[in-house]
N, C-alpha and C. Protein backbone atom coordinates (compact mmCIF):
# COMPACT_ATOMS: atom_id res chain seq x y z
N UNK A 1 -39.23 10.07 91.39
CA UNK A 1 -38.48 9.29 90.41
C UNK A 1 -39.11 7.87 90.34
N UNK A 2 -39.46 7.28 91.47
CA UNK A 2 -40.02 5.91 91.43
C UNK A 2 -41.36 5.91 90.75
N UNK A 3 -42.11 6.97 90.85
CA UNK A 3 -43.42 7.04 90.17
C UNK A 3 -43.22 7.02 88.68
N UNK A 4 -42.20 7.72 88.17
CA UNK A 4 -41.92 7.74 86.74
C UNK A 4 -41.49 6.35 86.27
N UNK A 5 -40.72 5.65 87.05
CA UNK A 5 -40.30 4.29 86.62
C UNK A 5 -41.53 3.31 86.65
N UNK A 6 -42.40 3.47 87.61
CA UNK A 6 -43.57 2.62 87.68
C UNK A 6 -44.46 2.95 86.51
N UNK A 7 -44.63 4.20 86.15
CA UNK A 7 -45.41 4.54 85.00
C UNK A 7 -44.85 3.99 83.71
N UNK A 8 -43.56 4.10 83.55
CA UNK A 8 -42.86 3.54 82.39
C UNK A 8 -43.06 2.00 82.30
N UNK A 9 -42.92 1.35 83.41
CA UNK A 9 -43.14 -0.16 83.46
C UNK A 9 -44.53 -0.48 83.00
N UNK A 10 -45.57 0.22 83.54
CA UNK A 10 -46.88 -0.03 83.16
C UNK A 10 -47.15 0.23 81.67
N UNK A 11 -46.53 1.27 81.11
CA UNK A 11 -46.66 1.55 79.70
C UNK A 11 -46.07 0.43 78.86
N UNK A 12 -44.86 -0.02 79.26
CA UNK A 12 -44.22 -1.07 78.46
C UNK A 12 -45.06 -2.45 78.59
N UNK A 13 -45.61 -2.70 79.76
CA UNK A 13 -46.37 -3.91 79.87
C UNK A 13 -47.69 -3.86 79.07
N UNK A 14 -48.13 -2.71 78.74
CA UNK A 14 -49.36 -2.62 77.99
C UNK A 14 -49.14 -2.85 76.48
N UNK A 15 -47.86 -2.95 76.05
CA UNK A 15 -47.62 -3.20 74.63
C UNK A 15 -47.86 -4.67 74.31
N UNK A 16 -48.01 -4.98 72.99
CA UNK A 16 -48.38 -6.32 72.59
C UNK A 16 -47.24 -7.31 72.57
N UNK A 17 -47.61 -8.53 72.49
CA UNK A 17 -46.63 -9.65 72.44
C UNK A 17 -45.72 -9.42 71.21
N UNK A 18 -46.29 -9.09 70.09
CA UNK A 18 -45.57 -8.90 68.86
C UNK A 18 -44.50 -7.84 69.00
N UNK A 19 -44.86 -6.75 69.70
CA UNK A 19 -43.88 -5.67 69.92
C UNK A 19 -42.69 -6.15 70.80
N UNK A 20 -43.03 -7.01 71.77
CA UNK A 20 -41.98 -7.61 72.55
C UNK A 20 -41.01 -8.48 71.68
N UNK A 21 -41.53 -9.24 70.74
CA UNK A 21 -40.74 -10.02 69.89
C UNK A 21 -39.87 -9.13 68.96
N UNK A 22 -40.39 -8.01 68.51
CA UNK A 22 -39.66 -7.12 67.68
C UNK A 22 -38.48 -6.55 68.50
N UNK A 23 -38.74 -6.17 69.68
CA UNK A 23 -37.67 -5.56 70.56
C UNK A 23 -36.61 -6.64 70.85
N UNK A 24 -37.05 -7.88 71.09
CA UNK A 24 -36.12 -8.99 71.27
C UNK A 24 -35.30 -9.24 70.06
N UNK A 25 -35.88 -9.12 68.86
CA UNK A 25 -35.10 -9.24 67.64
C UNK A 25 -34.01 -8.14 67.51
N UNK A 26 -34.36 -6.93 67.91
CA UNK A 26 -33.36 -5.85 67.96
C UNK A 26 -32.26 -6.23 68.93
N UNK A 27 -32.59 -6.81 70.06
CA UNK A 27 -31.67 -7.19 71.10
C UNK A 27 -30.60 -8.10 70.50
N UNK A 28 -31.11 -9.18 69.81
CA UNK A 28 -30.19 -10.14 69.17
C UNK A 28 -29.29 -9.42 68.16
N UNK A 29 -29.87 -8.58 67.38
CA UNK A 29 -29.05 -7.91 66.36
C UNK A 29 -28.00 -6.99 66.97
N UNK A 30 -28.32 -6.33 68.10
CA UNK A 30 -27.36 -5.49 68.73
C UNK A 30 -26.23 -6.32 69.35
N UNK A 31 -26.52 -7.49 69.90
CA UNK A 31 -25.51 -8.38 70.38
C UNK A 31 -24.56 -8.82 69.26
N UNK A 32 -25.15 -9.18 68.12
CA UNK A 32 -24.31 -9.64 66.99
C UNK A 32 -23.41 -8.47 66.50
N UNK A 33 -23.98 -7.31 66.39
CA UNK A 33 -23.17 -6.18 65.94
C UNK A 33 -22.06 -5.82 66.96
N UNK A 34 -22.38 -5.90 68.26
CA UNK A 34 -21.38 -5.56 69.24
C UNK A 34 -20.15 -6.48 69.20
N UNK A 35 -20.37 -7.75 68.82
CA UNK A 35 -19.21 -8.60 68.77
C UNK A 35 -18.62 -8.74 67.29
N UNK A 36 -19.50 -8.60 66.28
CA UNK A 36 -18.99 -8.66 64.92
C UNK A 36 -18.12 -7.51 64.55
N UNK A 37 -18.31 -6.36 65.16
CA UNK A 37 -17.52 -5.17 64.76
C UNK A 37 -16.03 -5.33 65.19
N UNK A 38 -15.75 -6.34 66.05
CA UNK A 38 -14.39 -6.61 66.43
C UNK A 38 -13.59 -7.09 65.30
N UNK A 39 -14.22 -7.58 64.21
CA UNK A 39 -13.53 -8.09 63.00
C UNK A 39 -13.17 -7.00 62.05
N UNK A 40 -13.68 -5.85 62.30
CA UNK A 40 -13.37 -4.74 61.39
C UNK A 40 -11.98 -4.11 61.67
N UNK A 41 -11.30 -3.63 60.65
CA UNK A 41 -9.98 -3.06 60.85
C UNK A 41 -10.05 -1.61 61.43
N UNK A 42 -10.35 -1.54 62.65
CA UNK A 42 -10.44 -0.20 63.34
C UNK A 42 -9.48 -0.14 64.49
N UNK A 43 -9.27 1.05 64.96
CA UNK A 43 -8.39 1.19 66.11
C UNK A 43 -9.04 0.61 67.36
N UNK A 44 -8.25 0.15 68.29
CA UNK A 44 -8.78 -0.45 69.56
C UNK A 44 -9.74 0.49 70.31
N UNK A 45 -9.44 1.75 70.30
CA UNK A 45 -10.31 2.75 70.97
C UNK A 45 -11.65 2.79 70.33
N UNK A 46 -11.68 2.84 69.00
CA UNK A 46 -12.96 2.80 68.25
C UNK A 46 -13.76 1.54 68.51
N UNK A 47 -13.01 0.39 68.50
CA UNK A 47 -13.69 -0.88 68.73
C UNK A 47 -14.28 -0.91 70.16
N UNK A 48 -13.58 -0.37 71.11
CA UNK A 48 -14.08 -0.35 72.48
C UNK A 48 -15.30 0.54 72.59
N UNK A 49 -15.29 1.67 71.92
CA UNK A 49 -16.44 2.61 71.98
C UNK A 49 -17.61 1.94 71.33
N UNK A 50 -17.41 1.34 70.12
CA UNK A 50 -18.56 0.67 69.41
C UNK A 50 -19.13 -0.48 70.25
N UNK A 51 -18.20 -1.25 70.86
CA UNK A 51 -18.67 -2.33 71.68
C UNK A 51 -19.50 -1.86 72.82
N UNK A 52 -19.04 -0.84 73.49
CA UNK A 52 -19.80 -0.26 74.59
C UNK A 52 -21.14 0.21 74.23
N UNK A 53 -21.22 0.93 73.11
CA UNK A 53 -22.48 1.45 72.63
C UNK A 53 -23.45 0.33 72.26
N UNK A 54 -23.01 -0.62 71.45
CA UNK A 54 -23.93 -1.67 70.99
C UNK A 54 -24.23 -2.74 72.07
N UNK A 55 -23.31 -2.98 72.97
CA UNK A 55 -23.60 -3.87 74.09
C UNK A 55 -24.56 -3.27 75.00
N UNK A 56 -24.46 -1.97 75.26
CA UNK A 56 -25.39 -1.21 76.06
C UNK A 56 -26.85 -1.19 75.47
N UNK A 57 -26.88 -1.05 74.12
CA UNK A 57 -28.20 -1.07 73.45
C UNK A 57 -28.79 -2.45 73.54
N UNK A 58 -27.92 -3.49 73.44
CA UNK A 58 -28.39 -4.86 73.53
C UNK A 58 -29.01 -5.16 74.91
N UNK A 59 -28.31 -4.71 75.97
CA UNK A 59 -28.84 -4.95 77.33
C UNK A 59 -30.10 -4.15 77.55
N UNK A 60 -30.12 -2.91 77.11
CA UNK A 60 -31.35 -2.08 77.34
C UNK A 60 -32.54 -2.68 76.60
N UNK A 61 -32.31 -3.15 75.34
CA UNK A 61 -33.45 -3.82 74.59
C UNK A 61 -33.82 -5.13 75.17
N UNK A 62 -32.85 -5.81 75.77
CA UNK A 62 -33.14 -7.11 76.43
C UNK A 62 -34.15 -6.94 77.58
N UNK A 63 -33.79 -6.01 78.44
CA UNK A 63 -34.61 -5.75 79.58
C UNK A 63 -35.98 -5.14 79.23
N UNK A 64 -35.99 -4.34 78.18
CA UNK A 64 -37.27 -3.77 77.68
C UNK A 64 -38.11 -4.89 77.12
N UNK A 65 -37.55 -5.83 76.38
CA UNK A 65 -38.32 -6.94 75.83
C UNK A 65 -38.90 -7.77 76.94
N UNK A 66 -38.10 -8.03 77.95
CA UNK A 66 -38.62 -8.77 79.14
C UNK A 66 -39.78 -8.11 79.79
N UNK A 67 -39.68 -6.79 79.94
CA UNK A 67 -40.81 -6.03 80.52
C UNK A 67 -42.01 -6.08 79.68
N UNK A 68 -41.85 -6.00 78.35
CA UNK A 68 -43.00 -6.01 77.43
C UNK A 68 -43.65 -7.38 77.40
N UNK A 69 -42.79 -8.46 77.32
CA UNK A 69 -43.39 -9.77 77.23
C UNK A 69 -44.00 -10.28 78.48
N UNK A 70 -43.36 -9.96 79.61
CA UNK A 70 -43.92 -10.39 80.89
C UNK A 70 -43.76 -11.87 81.12
N UNK A 71 -44.30 -12.40 82.16
CA UNK A 71 -44.15 -13.83 82.55
C UNK A 71 -44.86 -14.71 81.47
N UNK A 72 -46.04 -14.35 81.04
CA UNK A 72 -46.80 -15.25 80.16
C UNK A 72 -46.12 -15.21 78.77
N UNK A 73 -45.56 -14.08 78.35
CA UNK A 73 -44.88 -14.06 77.04
C UNK A 73 -43.63 -14.91 77.04
N UNK A 74 -42.86 -14.87 78.13
CA UNK A 74 -41.67 -15.69 78.23
C UNK A 74 -42.05 -17.13 78.20
N UNK A 75 -43.17 -17.56 78.89
CA UNK A 75 -43.62 -18.90 78.90
C UNK A 75 -44.03 -19.30 77.48
N UNK A 76 -44.68 -18.47 76.75
CA UNK A 76 -45.06 -18.75 75.33
C UNK A 76 -43.81 -19.06 74.51
N UNK A 77 -42.79 -18.19 74.66
CA UNK A 77 -41.53 -18.44 73.90
C UNK A 77 -40.88 -19.71 74.27
N UNK A 78 -40.85 -20.01 75.55
CA UNK A 78 -40.23 -21.28 76.00
C UNK A 78 -41.00 -22.47 75.40
N UNK A 79 -42.32 -22.44 75.41
CA UNK A 79 -43.10 -23.50 74.80
C UNK A 79 -42.84 -23.64 73.32
N UNK A 80 -42.69 -22.48 72.61
CA UNK A 80 -42.47 -22.56 71.19
C UNK A 80 -41.06 -23.17 70.88
N UNK A 81 -40.05 -22.78 71.65
CA UNK A 81 -38.75 -23.28 71.37
C UNK A 81 -38.47 -24.69 71.92
N UNK A 82 -39.24 -25.10 72.92
CA UNK A 82 -38.98 -26.43 73.58
C UNK A 82 -39.96 -27.49 73.14
N UNK A 83 -40.71 -27.20 72.05
CA UNK A 83 -41.70 -28.21 71.61
C UNK A 83 -40.98 -29.45 71.11
N UNK A 84 -41.55 -30.60 71.40
CA UNK A 84 -41.02 -31.82 70.82
C UNK A 84 -41.90 -32.18 69.62
N UNK A 85 -41.22 -32.40 68.44
CA UNK A 85 -41.93 -32.77 67.25
C UNK A 85 -42.73 -34.04 67.44
N UNK A 86 -43.85 -34.17 66.75
CA UNK A 86 -44.77 -35.30 66.89
C UNK A 86 -44.04 -36.61 66.63
N UNK A 87 -43.15 -36.71 65.68
CA UNK A 87 -42.51 -38.01 65.33
C UNK A 87 -41.56 -38.43 66.43
N UNK A 88 -41.05 -37.51 67.36
CA UNK A 88 -40.09 -37.83 68.36
C UNK A 88 -40.81 -38.25 69.67
N UNK A 89 -42.10 -38.14 69.71
CA UNK A 89 -42.79 -38.46 71.01
C UNK A 89 -42.98 -40.00 71.17
């Protein structure tokens, strides 16, 4: 079993930075859907089932994106979002 997990991890790490960003975008959309569906006029059981499904998809895609991006990809994203504009320096 651990060999399969290690093989899957290596496969995900071989994917590109762009693929990691796409998976991260799916993650954000799954989070939005999981909470936005609470506004729909559905029964509580249906809402709970939808929330469980979409929240699970969000978590799975979150960890997959982290594996794809790796340490350097996460650092790239942090640099991009934490940049100080030239006029504010």
